[in-house]
């Protein structure tokens, strides 16, 4: 039976794919990280038709490209589409819209090699970097206006790490400054609210503990300073260095704080520290991903994978780190410079295969 399905049904169906034995299966990765192994029947410029068995029956689904991880759709579409100038040009446009600029250039070149006259008749693809950076910035501004601050910050960091040389980067830096100020205000309000709940004896104990935590706090604050410096830096080399150093400072802060809490913290303190610990781990992961994004924008897949491993060593459960690793591995597999073997050497047994 053929049918188009909604996201909820798609997720349920994709979960069962991995347990079905089919020949010539392809891995399909959704944007939320859910993966499945299926037979690909055909592809169009905006969808993939897949087939699998469920309870002995053949099931055919049409999965929209917007639901699929961009690297994954690029790989599957490139493998199964007919080799025409039109198809390759459309795939190039898809790549531009999803930030796969090296792949976009390659697909455009292939289209031109197949039929130069066809390409001359088409409008030139919009600016590979400036135009897309503006589009990404518009998404960040929309998220900011809608109160989705975490999502806005994540989008801004894509601009500042992969499009730092575009005009949109200046506006992104200004918006990042506003977000940093907002985050600091929220953090101070939370601290003040927590302190207000303490009695005199608890306040005294908290003050004593904070003195012991001062070295950890200093490392954390320096990490924040370095991370902010990386986002403001126009030089990718200097920005990557700042992000790398920020991640290391966050790790130092975690190590110092864990030692103090384990030795001198009460059960209540340990419980509250868990939330702080998770937040700092997230900031360390974010710093390493930002550094890795710079390497990814350069096509340095092996170097980018090293930052994946750094992020995962901080938090092996991080969905952001796992998603980034998937993008790096797929990019490497499509790269003529490195290929999957180079990544396998770096990731070893611990990498996501």
Foldseek 3Di string as FASTA:
>chain_A
DEDEDDPVVVLVVQQCQAVFDDPPWDWWAFPLGRIHTFAWDADDLFWTWTWTDDPRDIDIYIGTNNGTDLLRCLVVQVVHPDQELVSLQSSLLSCLLVVVLVSSVVSNVSSCVRPVVVSVPDDDRPDSAQVNLVVLLVVLVVCVVVVVLVVSLVSLLLCLLQVLPYPSLVVSLVVVVVSVVVVVVVVVVVVVVVLVPDDPVRNVLVVVLVVQLVVLVVLLVQLVVLQNCLSVDSDNVSSLVSLLSSLVSLVVSLVSNVVSCVVRNDPVRVVVVVVVLVVSLVSSLVSLQSSLSNCVSVVNLLVSLVSLVSSCVSPVPDSVSLSSLVVSQSSQCPDPVHHNVSSCVNCPPVHDD
